[in-house]
Protein backbone atom coordinates (compact mmCIF):
# COMPACT_ATOMS: atom_id res chain seq x y z
CA MET A 1 -36.10 -2.01 -4.94
CA THR A 2 -34.11 0.19 -2.44
CA THR A 3 -30.47 0.39 -2.80
CA ARG A 4 -28.37 0.55 0.49
CA THR A 5 -25.52 2.91 0.23
CA LEU A 6 -22.60 2.82 2.50
CA PRO A 7 -21.13 6.02 4.31
CA THR A 8 -18.19 7.42 2.79
CA SER A 9 -15.73 6.00 5.11
CA ALA A 10 -17.11 2.59 5.03
CA ILE A 11 -16.36 2.62 1.14
CA PHE A 12 -12.61 3.74 1.85
CA THR A 13 -12.05 1.58 4.91
CA ALA A 14 -13.11 -1.39 2.62
CA ALA A 15 -10.92 -0.15 -0.48
CA ALA A 16 -8.27 0.32 2.08
CA THR A 17 -8.42 -2.94 3.75
CA LEU A 18 -5.68 -5.21 2.35
CA THR A 19 -5.94 -9.00 2.28
CA PRO A 20 -3.15 -11.18 3.39
CA ALA A 21 -1.79 -13.54 0.13
CA GLU A 22 0.56 -15.82 -0.96
CA PRO A 23 4.15 -14.59 -1.26
CA GLN A 24 5.16 -15.50 -4.50
CA HIS A 25 8.38 -13.48 -4.81
CA PHE A 26 9.29 -12.08 -1.40
CA ASP A 27 7.76 -12.73 2.31
CA LEU A 28 4.96 -10.71 2.55
CA ALA A 29 1.91 -9.73 -0.23
CA PHE A 30 -1.44 -8.13 0.04
CA ASP A 31 -4.51 -8.25 -2.43
CA ALA A 32 -6.53 -5.27 -2.15
CA THR A 33 -9.98 -4.37 -3.82
CA THR A 34 -10.75 -0.86 -5.38
CA GLN A 35 -14.14 1.27 -4.63
CA PRO A 36 -16.88 -0.22 -5.93
CA CYS A 37 -18.24 1.48 -9.72
CA PRO A 38 -20.15 0.62 -12.38
CA TRP A 39 -17.13 -0.47 -14.64
CA PRO A 40 -13.65 -1.80 -13.75
CA LYS A 41 -11.45 0.72 -12.75
CA ALA A 42 -8.97 1.46 -10.22
CA TYR A 43 -8.80 5.18 -8.79
CA GLY A 44 -5.25 6.71 -7.86
CA GLY A 45 -6.10 7.59 -4.38
CA ASP A 46 -7.09 3.93 -3.62
CA LEU A 47 -3.76 2.55 -4.95
CA VAL A 48 -1.66 5.04 -3.24
CA ALA A 49 -3.95 4.80 0.14
CA GLN A 50 -3.39 0.83 -0.47
CA ALA A 51 0.57 0.83 -0.95
CA ALA A 52 0.66 2.94 2.40
CA VAL A 53 -1.32 0.30 4.18
CA ALA A 54 0.91 -2.28 2.94
CA ALA A 55 3.84 -0.38 4.12
CA MET A 56 2.87 0.20 7.32
CA ARG A 57 2.23 -3.35 7.92
CA SER A 58 5.23 -4.29 7.20
CA VAL A 59 7.34 -2.68 9.78
CA THR A 60 7.02 -4.17 13.48
CA ASP A 61 9.74 -1.68 15.24
CA GLY A 62 7.80 1.46 16.14
CA LYS A 63 8.23 2.88 12.72
CA THR A 64 5.31 5.00 11.09
CA LEU A 65 5.15 6.89 7.49
CA ASP A 66 6.83 9.57 7.00
CA SER A 67 6.72 10.14 2.80
CA MET A 68 4.91 8.50 -0.10
CA GLN A 69 6.44 8.62 -3.34
CA SER A 70 3.95 7.17 -6.26
CA TYR A 71 5.20 7.45 -10.16
CA PHE A 72 2.78 5.27 -12.02
CA LEU A 73 -0.67 3.68 -10.78
CA ARG A 74 -1.92 0.53 -11.86
CA PRO A 75 -3.98 -2.25 -10.21
CA ARG A 76 -1.13 -5.02 -8.70
CA ARG A 77 -0.32 -7.22 -6.05
CA TYR A 78 1.53 -5.16 -3.61
CA ARG A 79 4.82 -6.84 -2.13
CA ARG A 80 7.65 -5.71 -0.34
CA ASP A 81 11.12 -5.87 -1.48
CA ASP A 82 14.25 -6.38 0.48
CA PRO A 83 13.86 -3.37 3.37
CA LEU A 84 16.48 -0.96 3.61
CA ARG A 85 16.72 -0.47 7.59
CA GLY A 86 18.27 1.98 9.76
CA ARG A 87 18.20 2.64 13.55
CA SER A 88 15.41 5.48 13.28
CA ALA A 89 14.35 5.05 9.44
CA ALA A 90 13.63 2.17 6.75
CA ARG A 91 12.41 2.62 3.34
CA ARG A 92 10.22 0.11 1.62
CA PRO A 93 10.03 -0.28 -1.66
CA ARG A 94 6.39 -0.98 -3.07
CA LEU A 95 6.49 -3.41 -6.16
CA GLN A 96 3.96 -4.77 -8.09
CA HIS A 97 3.80 -7.83 -9.72
CA PRO A 98 1.57 -8.17 -12.87
CA ALA A 99 1.89 -11.21 -14.94
CA GLY A 100 4.92 -10.65 -16.93
CA PRO A 101 8.43 -8.27 -15.45
CA ARG A 102 8.52 -6.81 -12.02
CA VAL A 103 7.53 -2.79 -11.82
CA PRO A 104 8.75 -0.97 -9.11
CA GLU A 105 6.37 1.81 -8.82
CA ARG A 106 6.14 2.91 -5.20
CA GLU A 107 8.16 4.11 -1.98
CA ALA A 108 7.69 4.59 1.38
CA ASP A 109 9.92 6.23 3.91
CA LEU A 110 9.19 5.41 7.32
CA CYS A 111 10.42 7.03 10.91
CA LEU A 112 10.57 6.24 14.54
CA PRO A 113 8.04 8.82 16.25
CA GLY A 114 9.76 11.78 17.17
CA GLN A 115 12.71 11.53 14.56
CA LEU A 116 10.36 12.34 11.64
CA ARG A 117 12.29 13.96 8.57
CA GLY A 118 12.15 17.83 8.37
CA ARG A 119 9.97 18.24 11.51
């Protein structure tokens, strides 16, 4: 029996691909899948990448990801809180909703191209 292994880029792309989910608390939600491994586990890098993808999907006015802050990593359903918007920048708090109370875990700062902070 031959086991087919996917190229690393295909494995990462699958892990960073989010599926739209039914929002339960706010207006946008996604489900994510971790990379395959022999035991149930989520890798921190996967979670940060998934949060970045969720943040970038939440903007429609041309802003791009400028920075990402991650604090405590656990697999959860990502959703966005009410966005903070300015003319050239926005902040998207990434909230994860476990079975219990809200757990704020990540924030993403997004800016219009050419107006990135510190550049």
